[in-house]
Amino acid sequence: MSVRAPIDGVDVEEGLLRLGDPALYETLLRQFVTSFRDAAERVRAALERGDREAAADVAHAVRGVSGNLAVNEVRAAATLLEQLLRGEATADTAGVVDALESALARAVSGIDRALGTEGDV
């Protein structure tokens, strides 16, 4: 399927405007799925180990890549989570991780359906 079609959880038009190259955008969306499908689980595992810095680093990576690709709901949740973990915001950590997980699930599912990335891990 073409990356020009709508993808649930992704602002394809904005992403294509940023990158300008549909083939590159599709490649980066595929890499996003491979790299960040389990990001919320990695954040939870880091927090269970008491490693807020590692959890913040995962959130930072998700924030940057999702922002560049216009996966905006994920970017917003990852931004808040990173700020929270770095002490720049106050909120319920578990709730923010849940929000990130939900946004990631929606975006990854949308990308999977649009690009056939279900088997990519």
PDB file of N, CA and C in Angstrom:
ATOM      1  N   MET A   1       0.842  -1.185   0.000  1.00  0.00           N
ATOM      2  CA  MET A   1       0.000   0.000   0.000  1.00  0.00           C
ATOM      3  C   MET A   1       0.883   1.242   0.000  1.00  0.00           C
ATOM      4  N   SER A   2       0.394   2.291  -0.552  1.00  0.00           N
ATOM      5  CA  SER A   2       1.153   3.527  -0.647  1.00  0.00           C
ATOM      6  C   SER A   2       1.151   4.282   0.670  1.00  0.00           C
ATOM      7  N   VAL A   3       2.294   4.881   0.977  1.00  0.00           N
ATOM      8  CA  VAL A   3       2.403   5.687   2.185  1.00  0.00           C
ATOM      9  C   VAL A   3       1.580   6.972   2.058  1.00  0.00           C
ATOM     10  N   ARG A   4       1.071   7.255   0.901  1.00  0.00           N
ATOM     11  CA  ARG A   4       0.253   8.457   0.704  1.00  0.00           C
ATOM     12  C   ARG A   4      -1.177   8.272   1.219  1.00  0.00           C
ATOM     13  N   ALA A   5      -1.574   7.044   1.471  1.00  0.00           N
ATOM     14  CA  ALA A   5      -2.908   6.775   2.009  1.00  0.00           C
ATOM     15  C   ALA A   5      -2.941   7.153   3.488  1.00  0.00           C
ATOM     16  N   PRO A   6      -4.111   7.478   4.018  1.00  0.00           N
ATOM     17  CA  PRO A   6      -4.207   7.788   5.450  1.00  0.00           C
ATOM     18  C   PRO A   6      -3.765   6.605   6.313  1.00  0.00           C
ATOM     19  N   ILE A   7      -3.089   6.915   7.405  1.00  0.00           N
ATOM     20  CA  ILE A   7      -2.644   5.905   8.361  1.00  0.00           C
ATOM     21  C   ILE A   7      -3.124   6.341   9.735  1.00  0.00           C
ATOM     22  N   ASP A   8      -3.882   5.476  10.395  1.00  0.00           N
ATOM     23  CA  ASP A   8      -4.395   5.778  11.726  1.00  0.00           C
ATOM     24  C   ASP A   8      -3.230   6.067  12.678  1.00  0.00           C
ATOM     25  N   GLY A   9      -3.288   7.208  13.353  1.00  0.00           N
ATOM     26  CA  GLY A   9      -2.251   7.576  14.308  1.00  0.00           C
ATOM     27  C   GLY A   9      -1.085   8.336  13.712  1.00  0.00           C
ATOM     28  N   VAL A  10      -1.121   8.563  12.398  1.00  0.00           N
ATOM     29  CA  VAL A  10      -0.022   9.244  11.712  1.00  0.00           C
ATOM     30  C   VAL A  10      -0.595  10.347  10.836  1.00  0.00           C
ATOM     31  N   ASP A  11      -0.008  11.538  10.902  1.00  0.00           N
ATOM     32  CA  ASP A  11      -0.387  12.619   9.996  1.00  0.00           C
ATOM     33  C   ASP A  11       0.508  12.511   8.764  1.00  0.00           C
ATOM     34  N   VAL A  12       0.078  11.679   7.824  1.00  0.00           N
ATOM     35  CA  VAL A  12       0.881  11.371   6.643  1.00  0.00           C
ATOM     36  C   VAL A  12       1.204  12.637   5.853  1.00  0.00           C
ATOM     37  N   GLU A  13       0.226  13.507   5.691  1.00  0.00           N
ATOM     38  CA  GLU A  13       0.453  14.734   4.929  1.00  0.00           C
ATOM     39  C   GLU A  13       1.578  15.560   5.554  1.00  0.00           C
ATOM     40  N   GLU A  14       1.528  15.743   6.866  1.00  0.00           N
ATOM     41  CA  GLU A  14       2.570  16.498   7.561  1.00  0.00           C
ATOM     42  C   GLU A  14       3.926  15.798   7.443  1.00  0.00           C
ATOM     43  N   GLY A  15       3.944  14.493   7.606  1.00  0.00           N
ATOM     44  CA  GLY A  15       5.193  13.739   7.502  1.00  0.00           C
ATOM     45  C   GLY A  15       5.813  13.848   6.125  1.00  0.00           C
ATOM     46  N   LEU A  16       4.988  13.751   5.090  1.00  0.00           N
ATOM     47  CA  LEU A  16       5.503  13.885   3.732  1.00  0.00           C
ATOM     48  C   LEU A  16       6.004  15.297   3.465  1.00  0.00           C
ATOM     49  N   LEU A  17       5.335  16.298   4.042  1.00  0.00           N
ATOM     50  CA  LEU A  17       5.820  17.675   3.889  1.00  0.00           C
ATOM     51  C   LEU A  17       7.193  17.843   4.533  1.00  0.00           C
ATOM     52  N   ARG A  18       7.397  17.210   5.666  1.00  0.00           N
ATOM     53  CA  ARG A  18       8.681  17.309   6.367  1.00  0.00           C
ATOM     54  C   ARG A  18       9.798  16.621   5.597  1.00  0.00           C
ATOM     55  N   LEU A  19       9.513  15.423   5.104  1.00  0.00           N
ATOM     56  CA  LEU A  19      10.573  14.632   4.476  1.00  0.00           C
ATOM     57  C   LEU A  19      10.648  14.793   2.968  1.00  0.00           C
ATOM     58  N   GLY A  20       9.505  15.025   2.330  1.00  0.00           N
ATOM     59  CA  GLY A  20       9.504  15.284   0.901  1.00  0.00           C
ATOM     60  C   GLY A  20       9.710  14.072   0.006  1.00  0.00           C
ATOM     61  N   ASP A  21      10.046  12.939   0.562  1.00  0.00           N
ATOM     62  CA  ASP A  21      10.345  11.747  -0.234  1.00  0.00           C
ATOM     63  C   ASP A  21       9.490  10.593   0.284  1.00  0.00           C
ATOM     64  N   PRO A  22       8.457  10.209  -0.461  1.00  0.00           N
ATOM     65  CA  PRO A  22       7.567   9.142   0.006  1.00  0.00           C
ATOM     66  C   PRO A  22       8.283   7.818   0.308  1.00  0.00           C
ATOM     67  N   ALA A  23       9.263   7.455  -0.498  1.00  0.00           N
ATOM     68  CA  ALA A  23       9.978   6.191  -0.260  1.00  0.00           C
ATOM     69  C   ALA A  23      10.761   6.258   1.049  1.00  0.00           C
ATOM     70  N   LEU A  24      11.416   7.373   1.302  1.00  0.00           N
ATOM     71  CA  LEU A  24      12.153   7.549   2.554  1.00  0.00           C
ATOM     72  C   LEU A  24      11.187   7.536   3.735  1.00  0.00           C
ATOM     73  N   TYR A  25      10.058   8.223   3.593  1.00  0.00           N
ATOM     74  CA  TYR A  25       9.067   8.276   4.667  1.00  0.00           C
ATOM     75  C   TYR A  25       8.568   6.868   4.998  1.00  0.00           C
ATOM     76  N   GLU A  26       8.267   6.083   3.973  1.00  0.00           N
ATOM     77  CA  GLU A  26       7.811   4.714   4.214  1.00  0.00           C
ATOM     78  C   GLU A  26       8.893   3.900   4.930  1.00  0.00           C
ATOM     79  N   THR A  27      10.127   4.033   4.495  1.00  0.00           N
ATOM     80  CA  THR A  27      11.237   3.321   5.143  1.00  0.00           C
ATOM     81  C   THR A  27      11.346   3.711   6.608  1.00  0.00           C
ATOM     82  N   LEU A  28      11.238   5.000   6.902  1.00  0.00           N
ATOM     83  CA  LEU A  28      11.356   5.478   8.282  1.00  0.00           C
ATOM     84  C   LEU A  28      10.169   5.039   9.137  1.00  0.00           C
ATOM     85  N   LEU A  29       8.976   4.981   8.555  1.00  0.00           N
ATOM     86  CA  LEU A  29       7.826   4.464   9.296  1.00  0.00           C
ATOM     87  C   LEU A  29       8.028   2.991   9.642  1.00  0.00           C
ATOM     88  N   ARG A  30       8.564   2.229   8.709  1.00  0.00           N
ATOM     89  CA  ARG A  30       8.852   0.815   8.976  1.00  0.00           C
ATOM     90  C   ARG A  30       9.868   0.685  10.112  1.00  0.00           C
ATOM     91  N   GLN A  31      10.905   1.525  10.081  1.00  0.00           N
ATOM     92  CA  GLN A  31      11.914   1.506  11.139  1.00  0.00           C
ATOM     93  C   GLN A  31      11.320   1.936  12.481  1.00  0.00           C
ATOM     94  N   PHE A  32      10.405   2.892  12.447  1.00  0.00           N
ATOM     95  CA  PHE A  32       9.727   3.333  13.663  1.00  0.00           C
ATOM     96  C   PHE A  32       9.025   2.148  14.330  1.00  0.00           C
ATOM     97  N   VAL A  33       8.296   1.377  13.535  1.00  0.00           N
ATOM     98  CA  VAL A  33       7.581   0.207  14.069  1.00  0.00           C
ATOM     99  C   VAL A  33       8.575  -0.782  14.680  1.00  0.00           C
ATOM    100  N   THR A  34       9.629  -1.071  13.949  1.00  0.00           N
ATOM    101  CA  THR A  34      10.629  -2.033  14.426  1.00  0.00           C
ATOM    102  C   THR A  34      11.302  -1.544  15.711  1.00  0.00           C
ATOM    103  N   SER A  35      11.624  -0.267  15.756  1.00  0.00           N
ATOM    104  CA  SER A  35      12.379   0.286  16.887  1.00  0.00           C
ATOM    105  C   SER A  35      11.537   0.573  18.115  1.00  0.00           C
ATOM    106  N   PHE A  36      10.282   0.953  17.927  1.00  0.00           N
ATOM    107  CA  PHE A  36       9.514   1.485  19.051  1.00  0.00           C
ATOM    108  C   PHE A  36       8.229   0.743  19.376  1.00  0.00           C
ATOM    109  N   ARG A  37       7.956  -0.356  18.712  1.00  0.00           N
ATOM    110  CA  ARG A  37       6.747  -1.151  18.987  1.00  0.00           C
ATOM    111  C   ARG A  37       6.629  -1.456  20.479  1.00  0.00           C
ATOM    112  N   ASP A  38       7.759  -1.743  21.134  1.00  0.00           N
ATOM    113  CA  ASP A  38       7.767  -2.145  22.548  1.00  0.00           C
ATOM    114  C   ASP A  38       8.298  -1.055  23.479  1.00  0.00           C
ATOM    115  N   ALA A  39       8.297   0.185  23.040  1.00  0.00           N
ATOM    116  CA  ALA A  39       8.906   1.267  23.825  1.00  0.00           C
ATOM    117  C   ALA A  39       8.260   1.443  25.202  1.00  0.00           C
ATOM    118  N   ALA A  40       6.949   1.346  25.292  1.00  0.00           N
ATOM    119  CA  ALA A  40       6.296   1.509  26.600  1.00  0.00           C
ATOM    120  C   ALA A  40       6.721   0.393  27.548  1.00  0.00           C
ATOM    121  N   GLU A  41       6.881  -0.809  27.028  1.00  0.00           N
ATOM    122  CA  GLU A  41       7.359  -1.926  27.854  1.00  0.00           C
ATOM    123  C   GLU A  41       8.778  -1.654  28.345  1.00  0.00           C
ATOM    124  N   ARG A  42       9.617  -1.087  27.483  1.00  0.00           N
ATOM    125  CA  ARG A  42      10.996  -0.768  27.883  1.00  0.00           C
ATOM    126  C   ARG A  42      11.016   0.318  28.949  1.00  0.00           C
ATOM    127  N   VAL A  43      10.111   1.289  28.838  1.00  0.00           N
ATOM    128  CA  VAL A  43      10.014   2.339  29.863  1.00  0.00           C
ATOM    129  C   VAL A  43       9.606   1.710  31.196  1.00  0.00           C
ATOM    130  N   ARG A  44       8.585   0.872  31.164  1.00  0.00           N
ATOM    131  CA  ARG A  44       8.126   0.216  32.402  1.00  0.00           C
ATOM    132  C   ARG A  44       9.246  -0.615  33.036  1.00  0.00           C
ATOM    133  N   ALA A  45       9.974  -1.350  32.220  1.00  0.00           N
ATOM    134  CA  ALA A  45      11.062  -2.193  32.743  1.00  0.00           C
ATOM    135  C   ALA A  45      12.140  -1.323  33.389  1.00  0.00           C
ATOM    136  N   ALA A  46      12.479  -0.208  32.763  1.00  0.00           N
ATOM    137  CA  ALA A  46      13.479   0.695  33.340  1.00  0.00           C
ATOM    138  C   ALA A  46      12.981   1.268  34.661  1.00  0.00           C
ATOM    139  N   LEU A  47      11.715   1.644  34.716  1.00  0.00           N
ATOM    140  CA  LEU A  47      11.161   2.192  35.946  1.00  0.00           C
ATOM    141  C   LEU A  47      11.122   1.132  37.049  1.00  0.00           C
ATOM    142  N   GLU A  48      10.815  -0.099  36.700  1.00  0.00           N
ATOM    143  CA  GLU A  48      10.812  -1.176  37.693  1.00  0.00           C
ATOM    144  C   GLU A  48      12.208  -1.415  38.259  1.00  0.00           C
ATOM    145  N   ARG A  49      13.246  -1.164  37.445  1.00  0.00           N
ATOM    146  CA  ARG A  49      14.632  -1.281  37.913  1.00  0.00           C
ATOM    147  C   ARG A  49      15.067  -0.034  38.683  1.00  0.00           C
ATOM    148  N   GLY A  50      14.208   0.992  38.680  1.00  0.00           N
ATOM    149  CA  GLY A  50      14.553   2.249  39.338  1.00  0.00           C
ATOM    150  C   GLY A  50      15.434   3.149  38.488  1.00  0.00           C
ATOM    151  N   ASP A  51      15.484   2.889  37.200  1.00  0.00           N
ATOM    152  CA  ASP A  51      16.352   3.641  36.286  1.00  0.00           C
ATOM    153  C   ASP A  51      15.534   4.664  35.497  1.00  0.00           C
ATOM    154  N   ARG A  52      15.232   5.776  36.160  1.00  0.00           N
ATOM    155  CA  ARG A  52      14.450   6.841  35.514  1.00  0.00           C
ATOM    156  C   ARG A  52      15.176   7.432  34.311  1.00  0.00           C
ATOM    157  N   GLU A  53      16.497   7.481  34.380  1.00  0.00           N
ATOM    158  CA  GLU A  53      17.281   8.045  33.269  1.00  0.00           C
ATOM    159  C   GLU A  53      17.120   7.193  32.005  1.00  0.00           C
ATOM    160  N   ALA A  54      17.205   5.879  32.154  1.00  0.00           N
ATOM    161  CA  ALA A  54      17.015   5.004  30.990  1.00  0.00           C
ATOM    162  C   ALA A  54      15.596   5.144  30.442  1.00  0.00           C
ATOM    163  N   ALA A  55      14.617   5.229  31.331  1.00  0.00           N
ATOM    164  CA  ALA A  55      13.231   5.414  30.886  1.00  0.00           C
ATOM    165  C   ALA A  55      13.077   6.736  30.149  1.00  0.00           C
ATOM    166  N   ALA A  56      13.699   7.792  30.671  1.00  0.00           N
ATOM    167  CA  ALA A  56      13.644   9.106  30.018  1.00  0.00           C
ATOM    168  C   ALA A  56      14.337   9.068  28.662  1.00  0.00           C
ATOM    169  N   ASP A  57      15.421   8.307  28.552  1.00  0.00           N
ATOM    170  CA  ASP A  57      16.129   8.191  27.275  1.00  0.00           C
ATOM    171  C   ASP A  57      15.261   7.510  26.215  1.00  0.00           C
ATOM    172  N   VAL A  58      14.518   6.485  26.612  1.00  0.00           N
ATOM    173  CA  VAL A  58      13.597   5.826  25.675  1.00  0.00           C
ATOM    174  C   VAL A  58      12.525   6.832  25.241  1.00  0.00           C
ATOM    175  N   ALA A  59      11.955   7.548  26.205  1.00  0.00           N
ATOM    176  CA  ALA A  59      10.924   8.542  25.883  1.00  0.00           C
ATOM    177  C   ALA A  59      11.482   9.610  24.941  1.00  0.00           C
ATOM    178  N   HIS A  60      12.715  10.026  25.179  1.00  0.00           N
ATOM    179  CA  HIS A  60      13.354  11.042  24.338  1.00  0.00           C
ATOM    180  C   HIS A  60      13.501  10.538  22.896  1.00  0.00           C
ATOM    181  N   ALA A  61      13.958   9.305  22.738  1.00  0.00           N
ATOM    182  CA  ALA A  61      14.126   8.743  21.400  1.00  0.00           C
ATOM    183  C   ALA A  61      12.780   8.639  20.677  1.00  0.00           C
ATOM    184  N   VAL A  62      11.767   8.161  21.395  1.00  0.00           N
ATOM    185  CA  VAL A  62      10.427   8.050  20.799  1.00  0.00           C
ATOM    186  C   VAL A  62       9.920   9.439  20.409  1.00  0.00           C
ATOM    187  N   ARG A  63      10.107  10.403  21.294  1.00  0.00           N
ATOM    188  CA  ARG A  63       9.648  11.777  21.024  1.00  0.00           C
ATOM    189  C   ARG A  63      10.279  12.317  19.751  1.00  0.00           C
ATOM    190  N   GLY A  64      11.584  12.170  19.613  1.00  0.00           N
ATOM    191  CA  GLY A  64      12.275  12.719  18.450  1.00  0.00           C
ATOM    192  C   GLY A  64      11.842  12.091  17.147  1.00  0.00           C
ATOM    193  N   VAL A  65      11.827  10.781  17.105  1.00  0.00           N
ATOM    194  CA  VAL A  65      11.481  10.090  15.865  1.00  0.00           C
ATOM    195  C   VAL A  65      10.008  10.294  15.523  1.00  0.00           C
ATOM    196  N   SER A  66       9.143  10.174  16.509  1.00  0.00           N
ATOM    197  CA  SER A  66       7.714  10.345  16.222  1.00  0.00           C
ATOM    198  C   SER A  66       7.413  11.777  15.786  1.00  0.00           C
ATOM    199  N   GLY A  67       8.122  12.740  16.350  1.00  0.00           N
ATOM    200  CA  GLY A  67       7.936  14.122  15.921  1.00  0.00           C
ATOM    201  C   GLY A  67       8.345  14.327  14.475  1.00  0.00           C
ATOM    202  N   ASN A  68       9.471  13.765  14.091  1.00  0.00           N
ATOM    203  CA  ASN A  68       9.940  13.900  12.710  1.00  0.00           C
ATOM    204  C   ASN A  68       9.016  13.232  11.712  1.00  0.00           C
ATOM    205  N   LEU A  69       8.357  12.150  12.135  1.00  0.00           N
ATOM    206  CA  LEU A  69       7.484  11.393  11.242  1.00  0.00           C
ATOM    207  C   LEU A  69       6.021  11.817  11.339  1.00  0.00           C
ATOM    208  N   ALA A  70       5.719  12.782  12.200  1.00  0.00           N
ATOM    209  CA  ALA A  70       4.350  13.279  12.397  1.00  0.00           C
ATOM    210  C   ALA A  70       3.430  12.206  12.980  1.00  0.00           C
ATOM    211  N   VAL A  71       3.974  11.434  13.908  1.00  0.00           N
ATOM    212  CA  VAL A  71       3.169  10.499  14.690  1.00  0.00           C
ATOM    213  C   VAL A  71       2.859  11.275  15.975  1.00  0.00           C
ATOM    214  N   ASN A  72       1.951  12.217  15.846  1.00  0.00           N
ATOM    215  CA  ASN A  72       1.811  13.307  16.807  1.00  0.00           C
ATOM    216  C   ASN A  72       1.269  12.914  18.174  1.00  0.00           C
ATOM    217  N   GLU A  73       0.354  11.971  18.237  1.00  0.00           N
ATOM    218  CA  GLU A  73      -0.173  11.538  19.537  1.00  0.00           C
ATOM    219  C   GLU A  73       0.938  10.849  20.343  1.00  0.00           C
ATOM    220  N   VAL A  74       1.751  10.066  19.661  1.00  0.00           N
ATOM    221  CA  VAL A  74       2.887   9.415  20.310  1.00  0.00           C
ATOM    222  C   VAL A  74       3.882  10.475  20.772  1.00  0.00           C
ATOM    223  N   ARG A  75       4.168  11.444  19.903  1.00  0.00           N
ATOM    224  CA  ARG A  75       5.104  12.516  20.257  1.00  0.00           C
ATOM    225  C   ARG A  75       4.640  13.259  21.500  1.00  0.00           C
ATOM    226  N   ALA A  76       3.372  13.578  21.569  1.00  0.00           N
ATOM    227  CA  ALA A  76       2.846  14.320  22.718  1.00  0.00           C
ATOM    228  C   ALA A  76       2.994  13.510  24.007  1.00  0.00           C
ATOM    229  N   ALA A  77       2.653  12.226  23.963  1.00  0.00           N
ATOM    230  CA  ALA A  77       2.766  11.386  25.161  1.00  0.00           C
ATOM    231  C   ALA A  77       4.228  11.202  25.558  1.00  0.00           C
ATOM    232  N   ALA A  78       5.103  10.990  24.581  1.00  0.00           N
ATOM    233  CA  ALA A  78       6.527  10.797  24.871  1.00  0.00           C
ATOM    234  C   ALA A  78       7.152  12.074  25.422  1.00  0.00           C
ATOM    235  N   THR A  79       6.727  13.214  24.912  1.00  0.00           N
ATOM    236  CA  THR A  79       7.234  14.504  25.405  1.00  0.00           C
ATOM    237  C   THR A  79       6.869  14.685  26.873  1.00  0.00           C
ATOM    238  N   LEU A  80       5.595  14.466  27.205  1.00  0.00           N
ATOM    239  CA  LEU A  80       5.150  14.609  28.593  1.00  0.00           C
ATOM    240  C   LEU A  80       5.880  13.614  29.493  1.00  0.00           C
ATOM    241  N   LEU A  81       6.035  12.386  29.022  1.00  0.00           N
ATOM    242  CA  LEU A  81       6.719  11.370  29.822  1.00  0.00           C
ATOM    243  C   LEU A  81       8.175  11.763  30.069  1.00  0.00           C
ATOM    244  N   GLU A  82       8.852  12.217  29.042  1.00  0.00           N
ATOM    245  CA  GLU A  82      10.246  12.635  29.223  1.00  0.00           C
ATOM    246  C   GLU A  82      10.343  13.791  30.220  1.00  0.00           C
ATOM    247  N   GLN A  83       9.474  14.783  30.080  1.00  0.00           N
ATOM    248  CA  GLN A  83       9.480  15.914  31.012  1.00  0.00           C
ATOM    249  C   GLN A  83       9.220  15.446  32.436  1.00  0.00           C
ATOM    250  N   LEU A  84       8.295  14.545  32.582  1.00  0.00           N
ATOM    251  CA  LEU A  84       7.966  14.012  33.898  1.00  0.00           C
ATOM    252  C   LEU A  84       9.166  13.284  34.499  1.00  0.00           C
ATOM    253  N   LEU A  85       9.797  12.441  33.723  1.00  0.00           N
ATOM    254  CA  LEU A  85      10.922  11.650  34.221  1.00  0.00           C
ATOM    255  C   LEU A  85      12.160  12.500  34.506  1.00  0.00           C
ATOM    256  N   ARG A  86      12.273  13.609  33.819  1.00  0.00           N
ATOM    257  CA  ARG A  86      13.416  14.496  34.037  1.00  0.00           C
ATOM    258  C   ARG A  86      13.091  15.586  35.071  1.00  0.00           C
ATOM    259  N   GLY A  87      11.909  15.487  35.680  1.00  0.00           N
ATOM    260  CA  GLY A  87      11.537  16.422  36.728  1.00  0.00           C
ATOM    261  C   GLY A  87      11.050  17.773  36.247  1.00  0.00           C
ATOM    262  N   GLU A  88      10.669  17.858  34.973  1.00  0.00           N
ATOM    263  CA  GLU A  88      10.225  19.124  34.391  1.00  0.00           C
ATOM    264  C   GLU A  88       8.701  19.254  34.368  1.00  0.00           C
ATOM    265  N   ALA A  89       8.011  18.234  34.844  1.00  0.00           N
ATOM    266  CA  ALA A  89       6.547  18.247  34.853  1.00  0.00           C
ATOM    267  C   ALA A  89       6.084  17.335  35.987  1.00  0.00           C
ATOM    268  N   THR A  90       4.833  17.507  36.360  1.00  0.00           N
ATOM    269  CA  THR A  90       4.259  16.622  37.368  1.00  0.00           C
ATOM    270  C   THR A  90       3.007  15.976  36.782  1.00  0.00           C
ATOM    271  N   ALA A  91       2.910  14.689  36.956  1.00  0.00           N
ATOM    272  CA  ALA A  91       1.751  13.923  36.490  1.00  0.00           C
ATOM    273  C   ALA A  91       1.897  12.508  37.034  1.00  0.00           C
ATOM    274  N   ASP A  92       0.882  11.725  36.839  1.00  0.00           N
ATOM    275  CA  ASP A  92       0.888  10.321  37.233  1.00  0.00           C
ATOM    276  C   ASP A  92       1.737   9.548  36.225  1.00  0.00           C
ATOM    277  N   THR A  93       2.897   9.083  36.647  1.00  0.00           N
ATOM    278  CA  THR A  93       3.816   8.396  35.738  1.00  0.00           C
ATOM    279  C   THR A  93       3.150   7.207  35.066  1.00  0.00           C
ATOM    280  N   ALA A  94       2.487   6.370  35.826  1.00  0.00           N
ATOM    281  CA  ALA A  94       1.848   5.180  35.248  1.00  0.00           C
ATOM    282  C   ALA A  94       0.814   5.575  34.206  1.00  0.00           C
ATOM    283  N   GLY A  95       0.064   6.622  34.483  1.00  0.00           N
ATOM    284  CA  GLY A  95      -0.947   7.086  33.532  1.00  0.00           C
ATOM    285  C   GLY A  95      -0.331   7.596  32.242  1.00  0.00           C
ATOM    286  N   VAL A  96       0.802   8.265  32.346  1.00  0.00           N
ATOM    287  CA  VAL A  96       1.473   8.790  31.155  1.00  0.00           C
ATOM    288  C   VAL A  96       2.085   7.640  30.343  1.00  0.00           C
ATOM    289  N   VAL A  97       2.641   6.650  31.033  1.00  0.00           N
ATOM    290  CA  VAL A  97       3.161   5.478  30.320  1.00  0.00           C
ATOM    291  C   VAL A  97       2.011   4.751  29.621  1.00  0.00           C
ATOM    292  N   ASP A  98       0.874   4.654  30.286  1.00  0.00           N
ATOM    293  CA  ASP A  98      -0.313   4.044  29.664  1.00  0.00           C
ATOM    294  C   ASP A  98      -0.732   4.824  28.419  1.00  0.00           C
ATOM    295  N   ALA A  99      -0.689   6.154  28.501  1.00  0.00           N
ATOM    296  CA  ALA A  99      -1.050   6.993  27.351  1.00  0.00           C
ATOM    297  C   ALA A  99      -0.082   6.769  26.193  1.00  0.00           C
ATOM    298  N   LEU A 100       1.208   6.659  26.517  1.00  0.00           N
ATOM    299  CA  LEU A 100       2.204   6.376  25.480  1.00  0.00           C
ATOM    300  C   LEU A 100       1.931   5.015  24.854  1.00  0.00           C
ATOM    301  N   GLU A 101       1.666   4.027  25.688  1.00  0.00           N
ATOM    302  CA  GLU A 101       1.402   2.679  25.181  1.00  0.00           C
ATOM    303  C   GLU A 101       0.185   2.674  24.254  1.00  0.00           C
ATOM    304  N   SER A 102      -0.860   3.369  24.644  1.00  0.00           N
ATOM    305  CA  SER A 102      -2.073   3.440  23.837  1.00  0.00           C
ATOM    306  C   SER A 102      -1.809   4.139  22.499  1.00  0.00           C
ATOM    307  N   ALA A 103      -1.093   5.260  22.538  1.00  0.00           N
ATOM    308  CA  ALA A 103      -0.782   6.002  21.311  1.00  0.00           C
ATOM    309  C   ALA A 103       0.111   5.172  20.393  1.00  0.00           C
ATOM    310  N   LEU A 104       1.096   4.485  20.984  1.00  0.00           N
ATOM    311  CA  LEU A 104       1.964   3.623  20.181  1.00  0.00           C
ATOM    312  C   LEU A 104       1.181   2.483  19.548  1.00  0.00           C
ATOM    313  N   ALA A 105       0.293   1.873  20.319  1.00  0.00           N
ATOM    314  CA  ALA A 105      -0.497   0.763  19.793  1.00  0.00           C
ATOM    315  C   ALA A 105      -1.332   1.214  18.594  1.00  0.00           C
ATOM    316  N   ARG A 106      -1.929   2.372  18.710  1.00  0.00           N
ATOM    317  CA  ARG A 106      -2.751   2.902  17.615  1.00  0.00           C
ATOM    318  C   ARG A 106      -1.895   3.166  16.381  1.00  0.00           C
ATOM    319  N   ALA A 107      -0.765   3.845  16.562  1.00  0.00           N
ATOM    320  CA  ALA A 107       0.092   4.188  15.429  1.00  0.00           C
ATOM    321  C   ALA A 107       0.718   2.948  14.806  1.00  0.00           C
ATOM    322  N   VAL A 108       1.245   2.062  15.639  1.00  0.00           N
ATOM    323  CA  VAL A 108       1.881   0.843  15.119  1.00  0.00           C
ATOM    324  C   VAL A 108       0.850  -0.003  14.371  1.00  0.00           C
ATOM    325  N   SER A 109      -0.342  -0.120  14.923  1.00  0.00           N
ATOM    326  CA  SER A 109      -1.399  -0.871  14.254  1.00  0.00           C
ATOM    327  C   SER A 109      -1.739  -0.235  12.904  1.00  0.00           C
ATOM    328  N   GLY A 110      -1.842   1.093  12.876  1.00  0.00           N
ATOM    329  CA  GLY A 110      -2.136   1.793  11.629  1.00  0.00           C
ATOM    330  C   GLY A 110      -1.043   1.593  10.595  1.00  0.00           C
ATOM    331  N   ILE A 111       0.203   1.685  11.038  1.00  0.00           N
ATOM    332  CA  ILE A 111       1.332   1.485  10.115  1.00  0.00           C
ATOM    333  C   ILE A 111       1.377   0.035   9.656  1.00  0.00           C
ATOM    334  N   ASP A 112       1.165  -0.886  10.587  1.00  0.00           N
ATOM    335  CA  ASP A 112       1.123  -2.308  10.228  1.00  0.00           C
ATOM    336  C   ASP A 112       0.099  -2.558   9.127  1.00  0.00           C
ATOM    337  N   ARG A 113      -1.105  -2.030   9.315  1.00  0.00           N
ATOM    338  CA  ARG A 113      -2.165  -2.241   8.317  1.00  0.00           C
ATOM    339  C   ARG A 113      -1.812  -1.588   6.984  1.00  0.00           C
ATOM    340  N   ALA A 114      -1.270  -0.385   7.034  1.00  0.00           N
ATOM    341  CA  ALA A 114      -0.999   0.350   5.802  1.00  0.00           C
ATOM    342  C   ALA A 114       0.204  -0.202   5.045  1.00  0.00           C
ATOM    343  N   LEU A 115       1.228  -0.609   5.775  1.00  0.00           N
ATOM    344  CA  LEU A 115       2.484  -0.994   5.121  1.00  0.00           C
ATOM    345  C   LEU A 115       2.816  -2.470   5.238  1.00  0.00           C
ATOM    346  N   GLY A 116       1.980  -3.217   5.953  1.00  0.00           N
ATOM    347  CA  GLY A 116       2.228  -4.643   6.087  1.00  0.00           C
ATOM    348  C   GLY A 116       3.454  -4.960   6.916  1.00  0.00           C
ATOM    349  N   THR A 117       3.626  -4.256   8.040  1.00  0.00           N
ATOM    350  CA  THR A 117       4.818  -4.443   8.879  1.00  0.00           C
ATOM    351  C   THR A 117       4.568  -5.373  10.067  1.00  0.00           C
ATOM    352  N   GLU A 118       3.445  -6.077  10.088  1.00  0.00           N
ATOM    353  CA  GLU A 118       3.104  -6.917  11.247  1.00  0.00           C
ATOM    354  C   GLU A 118       4.221  -7.850  11.662  1.00  0.00           C
ATOM    355  N   GLY A 119       4.957  -8.399  10.740  1.00  0.00           N
ATOM    356  CA  GLY A 119       6.012  -9.359  11.054  1.00  0.00           C
ATOM    357  C   GLY A 119       7.350  -8.710  11.357  1.00  0.00           C
ATOM    358  N   ASP A 120       7.465  -7.403  11.238  1.00  0.00           N
ATOM    359  CA  ASP A 120       8.731  -6.724  11.461  1.00  0.00           C
ATOM    360  C   ASP A 120       9.029  -6.595  12.940  1.00  0.00           C
ATOM    361  N   VAL A 121      10.118  -7.195  13.388  1.00  0.00           N
ATOM    362  CA  VAL A 121      10.561  -7.039  14.776  1.00  0.00           C
ATOM    363  C   VAL A 121      12.054  -6.938  14.853  1.00  0.00           C
TER     364      VAL A 121
END
